């Protein structure tokens, strides 16, 4: 579990906090769109899909045409 939190930075934590707050606000105001957007922010933070090397596909070493 320690290795999972090793790669967390400020923006990732901030994204998770905003996601949770938006979900909470959506539940209180009964707006499904806010809940969905908050869920998206939370999932992006949990899976780290918006980092500098978050969802990059490694370049192929065989560049033959």
Foldseek 3Di string as FASTA:
>chain_A
DVVLCPPDDDVLVVLLVQLVVQLVVCVVVVNVVSNVVSVVSNVCSNQVCPDPCRPDDDDDPDPDD
